Amino acid sequence: MPRPILGTLIAGLSFAAPLVAPRLPKPEFTRTPTVLVAPSYIQVSSTTRITTPHLSVEFSAVANAVEYRVSRSADGGPETDIFQGPIAAFLYPGQDCTPAVRPTGHFCVYFDRNVMPSVSYTYRVRTIYSGGVASPPSGPATGQRPN
């Protein structure tokens, strides 16, 4: 009597041996990192709208931002963080400092009142996401308070 290829002959019945799938390692679940985006627009202007002359650093709002960090250098010196705060600290009069659907966008502003006349200041802004993760810096923007 021929032997079954798989299984055994028992009382005239043949059966196949159960197929067992090999044990695969558990998949590791990883989070796709969030793309860290710095403000795409930054501009510095001198203003005297407030009693003390100062520089206004205006920049584009970024989706999912929790805070922004502003850094500056004076006359090409080292860059130093000068302010970090929640979105509410960067409100521009008449706007809400959140990304807009309109092409013109919404802008945030930081007023730097600690500037000296005839000194060239260069600013950069970083977006701070939840957990304190910071984006790379924005492009630089330079301004100078008049005498």
Protein backbone atom coordinates (compact mmCIF):
# COMPACT_ATOMS: atom_id res chain seq x y z
CA MET A 1 0.00 0.00 0.00
CA PRO A 2 1.44 3.39 -0.91
CA ARG A 3 2.27 5.69 1.96
CA PRO A 4 0.69 9.11 2.01
CA ILE A 5 3.17 11.84 1.38
CA LEU A 6 1.92 13.84 4.37
CA GLY A 7 0.32 12.30 7.38
CA THR A 8 -0.28 8.73 8.41
CA LEU A 9 -2.70 5.97 7.64
CA ILE A 10 -4.98 5.26 10.58
CA ALA A 11 -7.81 2.78 10.26
CA GLY A 12 -8.00 3.38 6.56
CA LEU A 13 -8.10 7.19 6.87
CA SER A 14 -5.30 9.41 5.87
CA PHE A 15 -4.89 12.95 7.00
CA ALA A 16 -2.46 15.67 6.25
CA ALA A 17 -0.15 16.96 8.89
CA PRO A 18 -1.17 20.45 9.94
CA LEU A 19 0.74 23.23 8.32
CA VAL A 20 2.28 25.52 10.87
CA ALA A 21 3.33 28.97 9.82
CA PRO A 22 6.78 29.93 10.95
CA ARG A 23 6.87 32.38 13.84
CA LEU A 24 7.67 35.83 12.54
CA PRO A 25 9.12 38.50 14.75
CA LYS A 26 6.65 41.08 15.99
CA PRO A 27 6.74 44.15 13.80
CA GLU A 28 8.27 47.21 15.36
CA PHE A 29 5.95 50.16 15.15
CA THR A 30 7.72 53.41 14.54
CA ARG A 31 6.29 56.87 14.29
CA THR A 32 6.97 58.73 11.14
CA PRO A 33 8.80 61.86 12.24
CA THR A 34 6.94 65.11 11.79
CA VAL A 35 8.46 67.42 9.23
CA LEU A 36 9.85 70.34 11.20
CA VAL A 37 9.03 73.56 9.38
CA ALA A 38 10.48 76.98 10.12
CA PRO A 39 8.59 80.13 9.14
CA SER A 40 8.99 80.60 5.39
CA TYR A 41 8.71 84.39 5.50
CA ILE A 42 10.58 86.74 7.82
CA GLN A 43 11.04 90.49 7.58
CA VAL A 44 12.51 93.12 9.91
CA SER A 45 11.43 96.74 9.93
CA SER A 46 12.15 99.75 12.08
CA THR A 47 9.20 101.46 13.69
CA THR A 48 8.44 104.17 16.18
CA ARG A 49 4.73 103.40 16.58
CA ILE A 50 5.37 102.86 20.25
CA THR A 51 7.15 105.49 22.31
CA THR A 52 10.46 103.60 22.19
CA PRO A 53 11.97 103.02 18.74
CA HIS A 54 12.26 99.31 18.07
CA LEU A 55 12.55 96.66 15.39
CA SER A 56 9.56 94.55 14.37
CA VAL A 57 10.30 90.97 13.37
CA GLU A 58 7.36 89.76 11.31
CA PHE A 59 7.19 86.11 10.23
CA SER A 60 4.74 83.61 8.79
CA ALA A 61 2.71 81.39 11.09
CA VAL A 62 3.36 77.62 10.92
CA ALA A 63 0.77 74.84 11.26
CA ASN A 64 0.94 72.85 14.53
CA ALA A 65 3.28 75.36 16.18
CA VAL A 66 3.04 75.57 19.95
CA GLU A 67 5.66 78.30 20.42
CA TYR A 68 8.23 80.29 18.49
CA ARG A 69 11.85 81.07 19.39
CA VAL A 70 13.49 84.28 18.15
CA SER A 71 17.25 84.61 17.96
CA ARG A 72 19.40 87.52 16.84
CA SER A 73 22.96 88.57 16.21
CA ALA A 74 24.31 92.12 16.30
CA ASP A 75 26.75 93.36 13.65
CA GLY A 76 27.61 89.80 12.57
CA GLY A 77 28.36 88.59 16.10
CA PRO A 78 27.20 85.31 17.63
CA GLU A 79 23.52 84.39 17.43
CA THR A 80 21.66 84.37 20.75
CA ASP A 81 18.12 83.31 21.63
CA ILE A 82 16.32 86.44 22.82
CA PHE A 83 12.75 85.23 23.27
CA GLN A 84 10.66 82.06 23.28
CA GLY A 85 6.98 82.01 23.99
CA PRO A 86 3.53 80.69 23.08
CA ILE A 87 1.74 81.77 19.91
CA ALA A 88 -0.32 84.26 21.93
CA ALA A 89 2.88 86.21 22.69
CA PHE A 90 3.35 86.95 18.97
CA LEU A 91 -0.05 88.41 18.14
CA TYR A 92 -0.03 91.07 15.49
CA PRO A 93 -2.66 93.77 15.82
CA GLY A 94 -5.75 92.65 13.92
CA GLN A 95 -4.47 89.14 13.20
CA ASP A 96 -4.34 85.89 15.13
CA CYS A 97 -0.88 84.42 14.38
CA THR A 98 -2.21 81.16 12.97
CA PRO A 99 -1.71 79.79 9.46
CA ALA A 100 -4.29 81.06 7.01
CA VAL A 101 -5.86 79.52 3.97
CA ARG A 102 -5.52 82.80 2.09
CA PRO A 103 -2.41 83.17 -0.08
CA THR A 104 -1.34 86.26 1.86
CA GLY A 105 -1.25 84.25 5.09
CA HIS A 106 -1.27 85.40 8.66
CA PHE A 107 1.80 86.75 10.31
CA CYS A 108 3.24 86.77 13.77
CA VAL A 109 5.34 89.61 15.13
CA TYR A 110 7.98 90.11 17.78
CA PHE A 111 8.83 93.65 18.89
CA ASP A 112 12.50 93.97 19.87
CA ARG A 113 12.80 97.07 22.04
CA ASN A 114 16.33 96.29 23.19
CA VAL A 115 18.14 97.61 20.12
CA MET A 116 20.75 100.32 19.72
CA PRO A 117 20.85 102.91 16.92
CA SER A 118 23.12 102.21 13.93
CA VAL A 119 23.63 98.55 14.87
CA SER A 120 22.68 95.94 12.27
CA TYR A 121 20.61 93.10 13.78
CA THR A 122 19.98 89.76 12.06
CA TYR A 123 17.06 87.63 13.22
CA ARG A 124 15.98 84.01 12.76
CA VAL A 125 12.86 82.25 14.03
CA ARG A 126 12.35 78.59 14.95
CA THR A 127 9.01 76.84 15.29
CA ILE A 128 8.58 74.92 18.54
CA TYR A 129 6.30 71.88 18.38
CA SER A 130 4.70 69.90 21.20
CA GLY A 131 7.32 68.17 23.30
CA GLY A 132 9.69 71.11 22.79
CA VAL A 133 11.01 69.90 19.43
CA ALA A 134 12.38 72.85 17.43
CA SER A 135 12.54 73.32 13.68
CA PRO A 136 15.70 74.41 11.92
CA PRO A 137 15.99 78.22 11.85
CA SER A 138 14.20 80.34 9.29
CA GLY A 139 16.20 82.27 6.78
CA PRO A 140 17.84 85.41 8.15
CA ALA A 141 16.31 88.88 8.07
CA THR A 142 18.28 92.00 8.91
CA GLY A 143 17.25 95.43 10.12
CA GLN A 144 18.71 98.51 11.75
CA ARG A 145 17.16 101.03 14.11
CA PRO A 146 17.69 104.55 12.83
CA ASN A 147 19.59 107.09 14.95
